[in-house]
Amino acid sequence: MTDASLSPPRPFEVTNREVLRIALPMTLAFLTQPLLGLTDTAVIGRVGDATMLGGLVVGALVFDFAFQTFNFVRAGTTGLTAQAFGAGDETEMQAVFWRAFLLAIGIGLALVLAEPLVMALGLLAIAPEPGVADATRIYVFWRMLAAPVSLLNFAILGYVLGRGRSTLGLLLQIVINGANILFSILFGLVLEGGIAGVALGTVTGEAIGALVGLATVLSGFDRAHRPALRRVLDRRAFGRMIGVNRDIMIRSFCLLGAYALFTRLGAGLGALTLAANGVLLNLFMVGGYFLDGLANASEQLVGRAVGARWRPAFDRALVLSIRWGLILAGALTLFFLVYGEALVALLTTDAAVRAGAVPYLGWAASACLAGALAFLMDGVFIGATWSATMRNMMLVSTALFAALALILVPRFGNHGLWLALEIFLAARGVTLFAAMPARRRRTFS
């Protein structure tokens, strides 16, 4: 926490309305994300080149991995900004933003320079056919130019959410995604730029979003509280931000690794099972967008409570977030159980894949409920910046998943694989919840 954390507590009230005020706009923002992939796929699909479409899919996977790894820029900024907000320290809030700005630009430029290495590792991991690999190289080369502004958009969103301005966060995401879609269609289809045009459309959309977001954030700064450069570059404060972000990055690596292992073991059960699991996992990911909105509310309210040194607000935010999360997860589970077959039919026209997915629909539906506590506790731990504990519990849960998967898959096949995944999701939430009371006592003592 900042030095302001030594001041007396700053009481504030957490209500259902406040939780939903933050959660609902961000849920809508997250739900716009799939539109980007659909647009890019539709643009390249109209070009009529299967090799180019394959390159787009592989290139998108490379970027999903890279940008999910560096999503800590958003999460870490949210927690630290929320704590400064709770402490009433306007100067520190601005300092947090500028630290995040420098971190985002620095990592983004490093990614641009490392593009050949990123590309080589991506092709090594996925091993597409030569034509698809060539198309992937084109897409990744141009798309990587957006890395600095994409990560800057993470920092801007983290700062905005840390201040509890979720409606502004939604509007900025609409600007980014809307410009992305518009220019991808313009450059890729209208101007016949193909896969390079789609990539440049994304670069343009991210750049426009960064300019709009930066102008919006800077216009809200109070010049009377402008931090000195020495404070922005303070070694202890910068070290804390890097430490928090490092732990969140390790957590993200573990999460991606668990999903990669799930995919690899599913592939070992046959192409049909792999395809069916991919469709079903998409259902869970959609449920995750809804739960992420509540997790964002937890981040802001818990971070604010820690900064304000007001435990009643922390406890209330925890209870309300869990309550709404379980209600939402239960509703999603029921929805997928009732309409799952129709959704699978919407996602794939392959009759064999549809039939292969049906026996495992129950697992995909219940995954939302199994993972609900994990989503919400991630929000709590990010907001409180208890990142080391979050990292450690993720390491434990990932090791448990790997062990269970290797034991259960040979005996129970795909049912065993889904059971291991659900235990992994539940273990993440349970271990974090079990670790929370001790961390809370130390934080509010």
Protein backbone atom coordinates (compact mmCIF):
# COMPACT_ATOMS: atom_id res chain seq x y z
CA MET A 1 0.00 0.00 0.00
CA THR A 2 0.95 3.63 -0.25
CA ASP A 3 2.01 5.83 2.65
CA ALA A 4 -1.61 6.93 2.81
CA SER A 5 -2.40 3.50 4.21
CA LEU A 6 -0.98 4.73 7.53
CA SER A 7 -3.77 7.28 7.80
CA PRO A 8 -7.02 6.57 9.68
CA PRO A 9 -9.62 4.31 8.00
CA ARG A 10 -11.85 5.90 5.36
CA PRO A 11 -15.27 4.22 5.73
CA PHE A 12 -17.49 3.61 2.72
CA GLU A 13 -20.43 1.32 2.02
CA VAL A 14 -20.58 -1.58 -0.44
CA THR A 15 -24.05 -2.37 -1.82
CA ASN A 16 -25.57 -4.73 -4.34
CA ARG A 17 -26.09 -1.76 -6.62
CA GLU A 18 -22.41 -0.84 -6.44
CA VAL A 19 -21.33 -4.39 -7.29
CA LEU A 20 -23.66 -4.54 -10.29
CA ARG A 21 -22.76 -1.00 -11.39
CA ILE A 22 -19.21 -2.16 -11.96
CA ALA A 23 -19.92 -5.74 -13.07
CA LEU A 24 -22.59 -5.21 -15.74
CA PRO A 25 -20.74 -2.75 -18.02
CA MET A 26 -17.58 -4.87 -17.92
CA THR A 27 -19.55 -8.02 -18.70
CA LEU A 28 -20.89 -6.27 -21.82
CA ALA A 29 -17.36 -5.16 -22.68
CA PHE A 30 -16.02 -8.72 -22.44
CA LEU A 31 -18.89 -10.04 -24.55
CA THR A 32 -17.79 -7.79 -27.43
CA GLN A 33 -14.46 -9.62 -27.67
CA PRO A 34 -15.70 -12.65 -29.68
CA LEU A 35 -17.02 -10.24 -32.35
CA LEU A 36 -13.43 -9.45 -33.34
CA GLY A 37 -12.58 -13.05 -34.11
CA LEU A 38 -15.85 -13.55 -35.96
CA THR A 39 -15.24 -10.44 -38.09
CA ASP A 40 -11.67 -11.39 -39.00
CA THR A 41 -12.78 -14.93 -39.85
CA ALA A 42 -15.64 -13.62 -41.99
CA VAL A 43 -13.33 -11.22 -43.88
CA ILE A 44 -10.77 -13.90 -44.70
CA GLY A 45 -13.56 -16.41 -45.35
CA ARG A 46 -14.92 -14.14 -48.09
CA VAL A 47 -11.46 -14.02 -49.66
CA GLY A 48 -11.93 -17.76 -50.18
CA ASP A 49 -8.40 -18.91 -49.32
CA ALA A 50 -8.34 -21.81 -46.86
CA THR A 51 -4.59 -21.45 -46.33
CA MET A 52 -5.02 -17.79 -45.40
CA LEU A 53 -7.84 -18.68 -43.02
CA GLY A 54 -5.62 -21.28 -41.37
CA GLY A 55 -2.90 -18.66 -40.98
CA LEU A 56 -5.38 -16.34 -39.29
CA VAL A 57 -6.40 -19.06 -36.82
CA VAL A 58 -2.80 -19.97 -35.95
CA GLY A 59 -1.76 -16.31 -35.73
CA ALA A 60 -4.66 -15.56 -33.40
CA LEU A 61 -3.55 -18.43 -31.15
CA VAL A 62 -0.03 -16.98 -30.98
CA PHE A 63 -1.40 -13.60 -29.94
CA ASP A 64 -3.89 -15.04 -27.49
CA PHE A 65 -1.00 -16.72 -25.69
CA ALA A 66 1.29 -13.67 -25.80
CA PHE A 67 -1.31 -11.12 -24.74
CA GLN A 68 -2.91 -13.33 -22.08
CA THR A 69 0.57 -13.69 -20.60
CA PHE A 70 0.93 -9.91 -20.36
CA ASN A 71 -2.62 -9.25 -19.18
CA PHE A 72 -1.04 -8.60 -15.77
CA VAL A 73 -0.55 -5.00 -16.93
CA ARG A 74 -4.33 -4.57 -16.65
CA ALA A 75 -4.87 -6.58 -13.47
CA GLY A 76 -1.95 -5.17 -11.51
CA THR A 77 -2.88 -1.60 -12.44
CA THR A 78 -6.47 -2.13 -11.29
CA GLY A 79 -5.47 -3.37 -7.84
CA LEU A 80 -2.87 -0.69 -7.17
CA THR A 81 -5.09 2.12 -8.49
CA ALA A 82 -8.05 0.93 -6.41
CA GLN A 83 -5.93 0.93 -3.26
CA ALA A 84 -4.72 4.48 -3.91
CA PHE A 85 -8.33 5.46 -4.63
CA GLY A 86 -9.47 3.97 -1.32
CA ALA A 87 -6.71 5.85 0.48
CA GLY A 88 -7.80 9.11 -1.18
CA ASP A 89 -4.32 9.58 -2.65
CA GLU A 90 -4.83 11.28 -6.04
CA THR A 91 -1.10 11.75 -6.56
CA GLU A 92 -0.41 8.05 -6.11
CA MET A 93 -3.22 7.14 -8.53
CA GLN A 94 -1.57 9.23 -11.22
CA ALA A 95 1.83 7.77 -10.34
CA VAL A 96 0.45 4.23 -10.67
CA PHE A 97 -0.88 5.07 -14.12
CA TRP A 98 2.46 6.45 -15.33
CA ARG A 99 4.31 3.40 -13.99
CA ALA A 100 1.85 1.17 -15.85
CA PHE A 101 2.29 3.36 -18.96
CA LEU A 102 6.07 2.90 -18.90
CA LEU A 103 5.76 -0.83 -18.25
CA ALA A 104 3.25 -1.30 -21.09
CA ILE A 105 5.30 0.63 -23.64
CA GLY A 106 8.53 -1.10 -22.57
CA ILE A 107 7.08 -4.62 -22.81
CA GLY A 108 5.28 -3.74 -26.05
CA LEU A 109 8.48 -2.54 -27.74
CA ALA A 110 10.29 -5.65 -26.50
CA LEU A 111 7.59 -7.81 -28.11
CA VAL A 112 7.99 -5.95 -31.42
CA LEU A 113 11.74 -6.63 -31.36
CA ALA A 114 11.14 -10.26 -30.32
CA GLU A 115 8.61 -10.90 -33.12
CA PRO A 116 10.87 -13.37 -35.00
CA LEU A 117 11.39 -15.39 -31.80
CA VAL A 118 7.69 -15.31 -30.90
CA MET A 119 6.83 -16.42 -34.43
CA ALA A 120 9.37 -19.25 -34.38
CA LEU A 121 8.14 -20.55 -31.02
CA GLY A 122 4.51 -20.35 -32.16
CA LEU A 123 5.18 -22.34 -35.33
CA LEU A 124 7.24 -24.86 -33.37
CA ALA A 125 4.40 -25.41 -30.90
CA ILE A 126 1.58 -25.63 -33.46
CA ALA A 127 3.50 -27.03 -36.48
CA PRO A 128 1.09 -25.97 -39.27
CA GLU A 129 1.60 -26.96 -42.92
CA PRO A 130 3.95 -24.73 -44.96
CA GLY A 131 1.26 -22.63 -46.66
CA VAL A 132 -0.49 -21.92 -43.37
CA ALA A 133 2.87 -21.10 -41.76
CA ASP A 134 3.61 -18.50 -44.46
CA ALA A 135 0.21 -16.84 -43.93
CA THR A 136 0.78 -16.88 -40.17
CA ARG A 137 4.13 -15.11 -40.58
CA ILE A 138 2.46 -12.31 -42.54
CA TYR A 139 -0.29 -11.88 -39.96
CA VAL A 140 2.01 -11.95 -36.93
CA PHE A 141 4.56 -9.56 -38.49
CA TRP A 142 1.99 -6.82 -39.04
CA ARG A 143 -0.14 -7.57 -35.99
CA MET A 144 2.84 -7.36 -33.63
CA LEU A 145 3.22 -3.67 -34.45
CA ALA A 146 0.22 -3.07 -32.20
CA ALA A 147 1.89 -4.59 -29.12
CA PRO A 148 2.84 -1.26 -27.43
CA VAL A 149 -0.61 0.30 -27.90
CA SER A 150 -2.42 -2.95 -27.06
CA LEU A 151 -0.61 -3.18 -23.73
CA LEU A 152 -1.17 0.55 -23.18
CA ASN A 153 -4.90 -0.15 -23.59
CA PHE A 154 -4.53 -2.77 -20.83
CA ALA A 155 -2.96 -0.13 -18.56
CA ILE A 156 -5.66 2.42 -19.39
CA LEU A 157 -8.45 -0.07 -18.70
CA GLY A 158 -6.78 -1.12 -15.43
CA TYR A 159 -6.58 2.50 -14.27
CA VAL A 160 -10.19 3.22 -15.25
CA LEU A 161 -11.46 0.11 -13.47
CA GLY A 162 -9.35 0.89 -10.42
CA ARG A 163 -11.27 4.13 -10.07
CA GLY A 164 -14.57 2.24 -10.41
CA ARG A 165 -15.44 3.86 -13.76
CA SER A 166 -16.68 0.71 -15.46
CA THR A 167 -19.04 2.52 -17.84
CA LEU A 168 -16.07 4.45 -19.21
CA GLY A 169 -14.23 1.13 -19.49
CA LEU A 170 -17.11 -0.25 -21.57
CA LEU A 171 -17.12 2.80 -23.85
CA LEU A 172 -13.36 2.55 -24.42
CA GLN A 173 -13.69 -1.15 -25.29
CA ILE A 174 -16.46 -0.30 -27.75
CA VAL A 175 -14.17 2.29 -29.39
CA ILE A 176 -11.31 -0.22 -29.64
CA ASN A 177 -13.39 -3.13 -30.88
CA GLY A 178 -15.55 -1.00 -33.16
CA ALA A 179 -12.53 0.60 -34.85
CA ASN A 180 -10.88 -2.81 -35.05
CA ILE A 181 -13.87 -4.30 -36.87
CA LEU A 182 -14.30 -1.31 -39.17
CA PHE A 183 -10.68 -1.10 -40.30
CA SER A 184 -10.27 -4.89 -40.59
CA ILE A 185 -13.17 -4.89 -43.06
CA LEU A 186 -11.81 -1.81 -44.86
CA PHE A 187 -8.19 -2.96 -45.17
CA GLY A 188 -8.81 -6.69 -45.46
CA LEU A 189 -11.87 -6.84 -47.73
CA VAL A 190 -12.67 -3.49 -49.36
CA LEU A 191 -9.02 -2.66 -50.17
CA GLU A 192 -8.27 -6.37 -50.74
CA GLY A 193 -5.40 -6.46 -48.27
CA GLY A 194 -6.19 -10.01 -47.21
CA ILE A 195 -4.60 -11.29 -44.03
CA ALA A 196 -2.13 -8.38 -43.86
CA GLY A 197 -5.06 -5.97 -44.15
CA VAL A 198 -6.89 -7.67 -41.30
CA ALA A 199 -3.77 -7.40 -39.13
CA LEU A 200 -3.31 -3.71 -40.00
CA GLY A 201 -6.98 -3.12 -39.23
CA THR A 202 -6.38 -4.48 -35.74
CA VAL A 203 -3.27 -2.31 -35.34
CA THR A 204 -5.27 0.76 -36.38
CA GLY A 205 -8.14 -0.04 -34.01
CA GLU A 206 -5.80 -0.55 -31.06
CA ALA A 207 -3.94 2.69 -31.84
CA ILE A 208 -7.17 4.70 -32.05
CA GLY A 209 -8.36 3.17 -28.79
CA ALA A 210 -5.06 4.04 -27.08
CA LEU A 211 -5.20 7.66 -28.27
CA VAL A 212 -8.82 8.09 -27.16
CA GLY A 213 -8.17 6.35 -23.83
CA LEU A 214 -5.01 8.30 -23.11
CA ALA A 215 -6.70 11.62 -23.90
CA THR A 216 -9.65 10.68 -21.66
CA VAL A 217 -7.46 9.65 -18.73
CA LEU A 218 -5.17 12.67 -18.96
CA SER A 219 -8.09 15.08 -19.17
CA GLY A 220 -9.30 13.76 -15.81
CA PHE A 221 -6.00 14.30 -14.01
CA ASP A 222 -5.91 17.01 -11.36
CA ARG A 223 -2.80 19.06 -12.10
CA ALA A 224 -2.55 20.05 -8.47
CA HIS A 225 -1.73 16.41 -7.67
CA ARG A 226 0.66 15.75 -10.54
CA PRO A 227 3.38 13.38 -9.28
CA ALA A 228 7.03 14.30 -9.62
CA LEU A 229 9.12 12.11 -11.90
CA ARG A 230 11.07 10.91 -8.87
CA ARG A 231 7.87 9.57 -7.33
CA VAL A 232 6.79 7.84 -10.54
CA LEU A 233 10.19 6.14 -10.79
CA ASP A 234 10.42 5.40 -7.05
CA ARG A 235 12.32 2.13 -6.78
CA ARG A 236 10.16 0.67 -4.03
CA ALA A 237 6.86 1.52 -5.73
CA PHE A 238 8.06 0.34 -9.14
CA GLY A 239 9.44 -2.81 -7.55
CA ARG A 240 6.05 -3.48 -5.95
CA MET A 241 4.27 -3.09 -9.29
CA ILE A 242 6.75 -5.40 -11.01
CA GLY A 243 6.46 -7.95 -8.19
CA VAL A 244 2.67 -7.99 -8.38
CA ASN A 245 2.77 -8.26 -12.16
CA ARG A 246 5.39 -11.03 -12.06
CA ASP A 247 3.21 -13.14 -9.79
CA ILE A 248 0.13 -12.57 -11.94
CA MET A 249 2.16 -13.52 -15.04
CA ILE A 250 3.23 -16.81 -13.44
CA ARG A 251 -0.41 -17.45 -12.55
CA SER A 252 -1.41 -16.77 -16.16
CA PHE A 253 1.29 -19.13 -17.46
CA CYS A 254 -0.05 -21.89 -15.23
CA LEU A 255 -3.61 -21.29 -16.37
CA LEU A 256 -2.63 -21.36 -20.04
CA GLY A 257 -0.52 -24.44 -19.37
CA ALA A 258 -3.46 -26.25 -17.81
CA TYR A 259 -5.67 -25.50 -20.83
CA ALA A 260 -2.84 -26.55 -23.16
CA LEU A 261 -2.52 -29.87 -21.30
CA PHE A 262 -6.31 -30.33 -21.49
CA THR A 263 -6.13 -29.80 -25.26
CA ARG A 264 -3.13 -32.09 -25.72
CA LEU A 265 -4.65 -34.95 -23.73
CA GLY A 266 -7.93 -34.46 -25.60
CA ALA A 267 -6.03 -34.71 -28.89
CA GLY A 268 -4.64 -38.04 -27.71
CA LEU A 269 -8.21 -39.33 -27.54
CA GLY A 270 -8.78 -38.65 -31.24
CA ALA A 271 -9.58 -35.78 -33.59
CA LEU A 272 -13.31 -36.05 -32.93
CA THR A 273 -12.87 -35.76 -29.17
CA LEU A 274 -10.46 -32.86 -29.64
CA ALA A 275 -13.00 -31.00 -31.79
CA ALA A 276 -15.88 -31.75 -29.42
CA ASN A 277 -13.88 -30.54 -26.41
CA GLY A 278 -12.98 -27.37 -28.27
CA VAL A 279 -16.65 -26.59 -28.89
CA LEU A 280 -17.61 -27.35 -25.29
CA LEU A 281 -14.73 -25.33 -23.88
CA ASN A 282 -16.06 -22.35 -25.82
CA LEU A 283 -19.31 -22.61 -23.85
CA PHE A 284 -17.35 -22.41 -20.60
CA MET A 285 -15.33 -19.47 -21.92
CA VAL A 286 -18.54 -17.57 -22.70
CA GLY A 287 -19.69 -18.23 -19.12
CA GLY A 288 -16.32 -16.90 -18.02
CA TYR A 289 -17.03 -13.53 -19.64
CA PHE A 290 -20.01 -13.10 -17.29
CA LEU A 291 -18.02 -14.15 -14.23
CA ASP A 292 -15.13 -11.87 -15.23
CA GLY A 293 -17.45 -8.89 -14.88
CA LEU A 294 -18.09 -9.77 -11.24
CA ALA A 295 -14.38 -10.44 -10.72
CA ASN A 296 -13.69 -6.88 -11.91
CA ALA A 297 -16.15 -5.57 -9.34
CA SER A 298 -14.30 -7.55 -6.66
CA GLU A 299 -10.97 -6.11 -7.77
CA GLN A 300 -12.10 -2.53 -7.48
CA LEU A 301 -14.14 -2.79 -4.26
CA VAL A 302 -11.63 -4.99 -2.43
CA GLY A 303 -8.70 -2.81 -3.56
CA ARG A 304 -10.56 0.28 -2.43
CA ALA A 305 -11.31 -1.32 0.95
CA VAL A 306 -7.64 -2.25 1.43
CA GLY A 307 -6.54 1.28 0.52
CA ALA A 308 -9.17 2.78 2.85
CA ARG A 309 -8.18 0.31 5.60
CA TRP A 310 -11.89 -0.43 6.09
CA ARG A 311 -12.49 -4.12 6.74
CA PRO A 312 -16.33 -3.92 6.80
CA ALA A 313 -16.24 -2.87 3.13
CA PHE A 314 -13.85 -5.73 2.34
CA ASP A 315 -16.11 -8.29 4.02
CA ARG A 316 -19.23 -6.91 2.36
CA ALA A 317 -17.59 -6.89 -1.08
CA LEU A 318 -16.48 -10.49 -0.56
CA VAL A 319 -19.95 -11.70 0.49
CA LEU A 320 -21.83 -9.89 -2.28
CA SER A 321 -19.38 -10.93 -4.98
CA ILE A 322 -19.59 -14.59 -3.98
CA ARG A 323 -23.37 -14.44 -3.67
CA TRP A 324 -23.89 -12.90 -7.10
CA GLY A 325 -21.21 -15.14 -8.60
CA LEU A 326 -22.85 -18.34 -7.41
CA ILE A 327 -26.28 -17.14 -8.54
CA LEU A 328 -24.90 -16.28 -11.98
CA ALA A 329 -22.89 -19.52 -12.26
CA GLY A 330 -25.94 -21.56 -11.28
CA ALA A 331 -28.05 -19.79 -13.91
CA LEU A 332 -25.39 -20.36 -16.58
CA THR A 333 -25.16 -24.04 -15.67
CA LEU A 334 -28.92 -24.46 -16.03
CA PHE A 335 -28.93 -22.53 -19.30
CA PHE A 336 -26.21 -24.71 -20.82
CA LEU A 337 -27.91 -27.90 -19.60
CA VAL A 338 -31.20 -26.87 -21.26
CA TYR A 339 -29.89 -25.23 -24.43
CA GLY A 340 -26.47 -26.87 -24.72
CA GLU A 341 -27.29 -29.06 -27.71
CA ALA A 342 -28.70 -26.09 -29.62
CA LEU A 343 -25.60 -24.03 -28.83
CA VAL A 344 -23.32 -26.85 -29.97
CA ALA A 345 -25.31 -27.03 -33.23
CA LEU A 346 -24.81 -23.28 -33.62
CA LEU A 347 -21.06 -23.56 -33.13
CA THR A 348 -20.49 -26.47 -35.53
CA THR A 349 -22.30 -27.92 -38.55
CA ASP A 350 -20.35 -31.19 -38.38
CA ALA A 351 -22.82 -33.91 -37.35
CA ALA A 352 -20.06 -36.14 -35.94
CA VAL A 353 -18.68 -33.36 -33.74
CA ARG A 354 -22.19 -32.51 -32.53
CA ALA A 355 -22.82 -36.13 -31.58
CA GLY A 356 -19.38 -36.39 -29.97
CA ALA A 357 -20.00 -33.33 -27.79
CA VAL A 358 -23.41 -34.33 -26.40
CA PRO A 359 -22.18 -36.95 -23.85
CA TYR A 360 -19.95 -34.30 -22.24
CA LEU A 361 -22.39 -31.38 -22.17
CA GLY A 362 -23.01 -31.88 -18.46
CA TRP A 363 -19.32 -31.37 -17.73
CA ALA A 364 -19.15 -28.15 -19.77
CA ALA A 365 -22.30 -26.82 -18.08
CA SER A 366 -21.13 -27.57 -14.54
CA ALA A 367 -17.68 -26.08 -15.24
CA CYS A 368 -19.20 -22.62 -14.75
CA LEU A 369 -20.30 -23.57 -11.24
CA ALA A 370 -17.04 -25.38 -10.45
CA GLY A 371 -14.99 -22.36 -11.51
CA ALA A 372 -17.16 -19.58 -10.09
CA LEU A 373 -15.28 -19.24 -6.80
CA ALA A 374 -11.94 -19.21 -8.63
CA PHE A 375 -13.00 -16.26 -10.82
CA LEU A 376 -14.26 -14.30 -7.81
CA MET A 377 -11.30 -15.05 -5.55
CA ASP A 378 -8.93 -14.03 -8.33
CA GLY A 379 -10.69 -10.66 -8.25
CA VAL A 380 -10.32 -10.43 -4.47
CA PHE A 381 -6.62 -11.32 -4.49
CA ILE A 382 -5.82 -9.01 -7.43
CA GLY A 383 -7.63 -6.10 -5.75
CA ALA A 384 -5.81 -6.72 -2.47
CA THR A 385 -2.53 -7.31 -4.39
CA TRP A 386 -2.00 -10.63 -2.57
CA SER A 387 -0.38 -11.84 -5.75
CA ALA A 388 2.22 -14.15 -4.20
CA THR A 389 -0.47 -16.23 -2.50
CA MET A 390 -2.51 -16.31 -5.71
CA ARG A 391 0.56 -17.52 -7.59
CA ASN A 392 1.28 -20.24 -5.05
CA MET A 393 -2.28 -21.56 -4.98
CA MET A 394 -2.31 -21.66 -8.79
CA LEU A 395 0.90 -23.70 -8.79
CA VAL A 396 -0.64 -26.18 -6.35
CA SER A 397 -3.88 -26.42 -8.34
CA THR A 398 -2.07 -26.87 -11.67
CA ALA A 399 0.09 -29.66 -10.27
CA LEU A 400 -3.06 -31.33 -8.94
CA PHE A 401 -4.72 -31.07 -12.36
CA ALA A 402 -1.73 -32.57 -14.16
CA ALA A 403 -1.54 -35.48 -11.71
CA LEU A 404 -5.28 -36.19 -11.84
CA ALA A 405 -5.43 -35.94 -15.62
CA LEU A 406 -2.60 -38.40 -16.08
CA ILE A 407 -4.31 -40.81 -13.69
CA LEU A 408 -7.94 -40.43 -14.78
CA VAL A 409 -7.66 -40.15 -18.58
CA PRO A 410 -6.24 -43.63 -19.18
CA ARG A 411 -9.02 -45.12 -17.03
CA PHE A 412 -12.06 -42.99 -17.85
CA GLY A 413 -11.13 -41.33 -21.15
CA ASN A 414 -12.64 -37.93 -21.87
CA HIS A 415 -14.90 -38.10 -18.82
CA GLY A 416 -11.77 -38.40 -16.70
CA LEU A 417 -10.22 -35.43 -18.48
CA TRP A 418 -13.25 -33.22 -17.78
CA LEU A 419 -13.39 -34.42 -14.16
CA ALA A 420 -9.73 -33.43 -13.70
CA LEU A 421 -10.46 -29.99 -15.21
CA GLU A 422 -13.42 -29.39 -12.89
CA ILE A 423 -11.40 -30.41 -9.83
CA PHE A 424 -8.69 -27.99 -11.01
CA LEU A 425 -11.21 -25.15 -11.29
CA ALA A 426 -12.72 -25.92 -7.90
CA ALA A 427 -9.31 -26.31 -6.25
CA ARG A 428 -8.26 -22.85 -7.41
CA GLY A 429 -11.25 -21.27 -5.71
CA VAL A 430 -11.14 -23.38 -2.55
CA THR A 431 -7.40 -22.91 -1.93
CA LEU A 432 -7.65 -19.15 -2.38
CA PHE A 433 -10.69 -18.94 -0.12
CA ALA A 434 -8.88 -20.98 2.54
CA ALA A 435 -5.85 -18.68 2.36
CA MET A 436 -7.92 -15.51 2.50
CA PRO A 437 -8.65 -15.19 6.28
CA ALA A 438 -4.97 -15.14 7.26
CA ARG A 439 -4.15 -12.57 4.57
CA ARG A 440 -7.12 -10.46 5.64
CA ARG A 441 -6.01 -10.44 9.27
CA ARG A 442 -2.51 -9.30 8.35
CA THR A 443 -3.77 -6.62 5.97
CA PHE A 444 -6.28 -5.08 8.39
CA SER A 445 -4.36 -5.58 11.64
